[in-house]
């Protein structure tokens, strides 16, 4: 199945433990870790950000989040990744390279 038959993926930020999001880009929506509704704009543990179009492997896109470090949590990581709205990327032969760890030291 071609990616062009479905909407562009979302960029997902999982916030590292010990940090709080204090500034959120306009095209990013707060969620609970499992994807549920999160009442406030800031402080969510997860954000899904819109991509206005499909991207290739060399495309760059920036989202300017602001984070506050609240506590030192040894080994804590978050992640940033590309995810379809629902399910998996059926056309992607290697989904292991769709996510990167995010460390705050």
Protein backbone atom coordinates (compact mmCIF):
# COMPACT_ATOMS: atom_id res chain seq x y z
CA UNK A 1 0.00 0.00 0.00
CA UNK A 2 1.32 3.43 -0.91
CA UNK A 3 1.73 6.14 1.75
CA UNK A 4 -0.07 8.60 -0.52
CA UNK A 5 -3.42 6.92 0.11
CA UNK A 6 -3.37 7.85 3.80
CA UNK A 7 -2.81 11.07 5.76
CA UNK A 8 0.75 12.14 6.65
CA UNK A 9 2.16 10.64 9.84
CA UNK A 10 2.42 12.44 13.17
CA UNK A 11 5.65 13.28 14.95
CA UNK A 12 5.33 12.01 18.52
CA UNK A 13 7.30 13.36 21.49
CA UNK A 14 7.40 11.31 24.68
CA UNK A 15 8.64 13.69 27.39
CA UNK A 16 11.55 12.42 29.52
CA UNK A 17 10.86 11.80 33.23
CA UNK A 18 11.94 14.69 35.43
CA UNK A 19 11.03 17.34 32.84
CA UNK A 20 7.92 19.40 32.14
CA UNK A 21 6.90 20.90 28.82
CA UNK A 22 6.34 24.64 29.34
CA UNK A 23 6.05 25.74 25.71
CA UNK A 24 4.28 23.86 22.91
CA UNK A 25 4.32 24.52 19.14
CA UNK A 26 0.90 25.42 17.68
CA UNK A 27 0.67 22.26 15.55
CA UNK A 28 1.24 19.87 18.49
CA UNK A 29 -1.53 18.34 20.61
CA UNK A 30 -1.07 17.15 24.23
CA UNK A 31 -1.99 13.57 25.19
CA UNK A 32 -1.66 11.07 28.00
CA UNK A 33 1.04 8.44 27.41
CA UNK A 34 -1.55 6.08 25.95
CA UNK A 35 -2.93 8.72 23.59
CA UNK A 36 -5.93 9.81 25.63
CA UNK A 37 -7.24 13.32 26.21
CA UNK A 38 -4.99 15.64 28.24
CA UNK A 39 -6.71 18.71 29.65
CA UNK A 40 -3.90 21.28 29.68
CA UNK A 41 -1.75 22.53 26.80
CA UNK A 42 1.51 22.24 28.77
CA UNK A 43 2.77 19.53 31.12
CA UNK A 44 1.55 16.52 29.14
CA UNK A 45 3.71 13.38 28.96
CA UNK A 46 3.14 13.03 25.19
CA UNK A 47 2.60 15.34 22.22
CA UNK A 48 1.55 14.45 18.69
CA UNK A 49 2.56 17.02 16.08
CA UNK A 50 1.08 17.42 12.62
CA UNK A 51 3.11 17.11 9.46
CA UNK A 52 1.52 19.12 6.64
CA UNK A 53 2.76 16.66 3.99
CA UNK A 54 4.47 13.31 3.52
CA UNK A 55 8.23 13.47 4.02
CA UNK A 56 11.17 11.56 2.61
CA UNK A 57 14.04 10.10 4.62
CA UNK A 58 16.11 13.30 4.27
CA UNK A 59 13.39 15.80 5.15
CA UNK A 60 14.02 17.98 8.21
CA UNK A 61 11.27 19.49 10.37
CA UNK A 62 11.70 21.49 13.58
CA UNK A 63 9.31 21.72 16.54
CA UNK A 64 10.32 24.32 19.15
CA UNK A 65 9.31 22.86 22.51
CA UNK A 66 10.35 24.45 25.79
CA UNK A 67 11.24 22.09 28.65
CA UNK A 68 11.89 22.71 32.31
CA UNK A 69 14.12 20.30 34.20
CA UNK A 70 12.38 19.54 37.50
CA UNK A 71 14.47 16.68 38.87
CA UNK A 72 17.52 14.63 38.01
CA UNK A 73 16.32 11.19 36.99
CA UNK A 74 19.33 8.98 36.19
CA UNK A 75 18.90 7.14 32.90
CA UNK A 76 15.57 8.78 32.08
CA UNK A 77 14.84 9.09 28.37
CA UNK A 78 11.98 10.18 26.21
CA UNK A 79 11.63 9.66 22.51
CA UNK A 80 10.78 11.33 19.24
CA UNK A 81 9.31 9.33 16.41
CA UNK A 82 7.15 9.24 13.33
CA UNK A 83 3.86 7.36 13.67
CA UNK A 84 0.78 6.92 11.50
CA UNK A 85 -2.55 8.17 12.82
CA UNK A 86 -3.66 4.54 13.35
CA UNK A 87 -1.89 1.19 13.16
CA UNK A 88 1.52 0.77 11.55
CA UNK A 89 3.23 1.88 8.37
CA UNK A 90 2.26 -0.99 6.04
CA UNK A 91 4.70 0.21 3.35
CA UNK A 92 7.74 0.57 5.63
CA UNK A 93 10.03 -2.49 5.56
CA UNK A 94 12.01 -1.29 8.62
CA UNK A 95 10.04 0.50 11.34
CA UNK A 96 12.92 0.23 13.84
CA UNK A 97 14.41 3.45 12.47
CA UNK A 98 11.28 5.59 12.99
CA UNK A 99 12.07 6.52 16.61
CA UNK A 100 15.03 8.18 18.36
CA UNK A 101 15.73 8.41 22.09
CA UNK A 102 15.70 11.82 23.73
CA UNK A 103 17.96 12.33 26.74
CA UNK A 104 18.12 15.38 29.00
CA UNK A 105 21.32 15.53 31.04
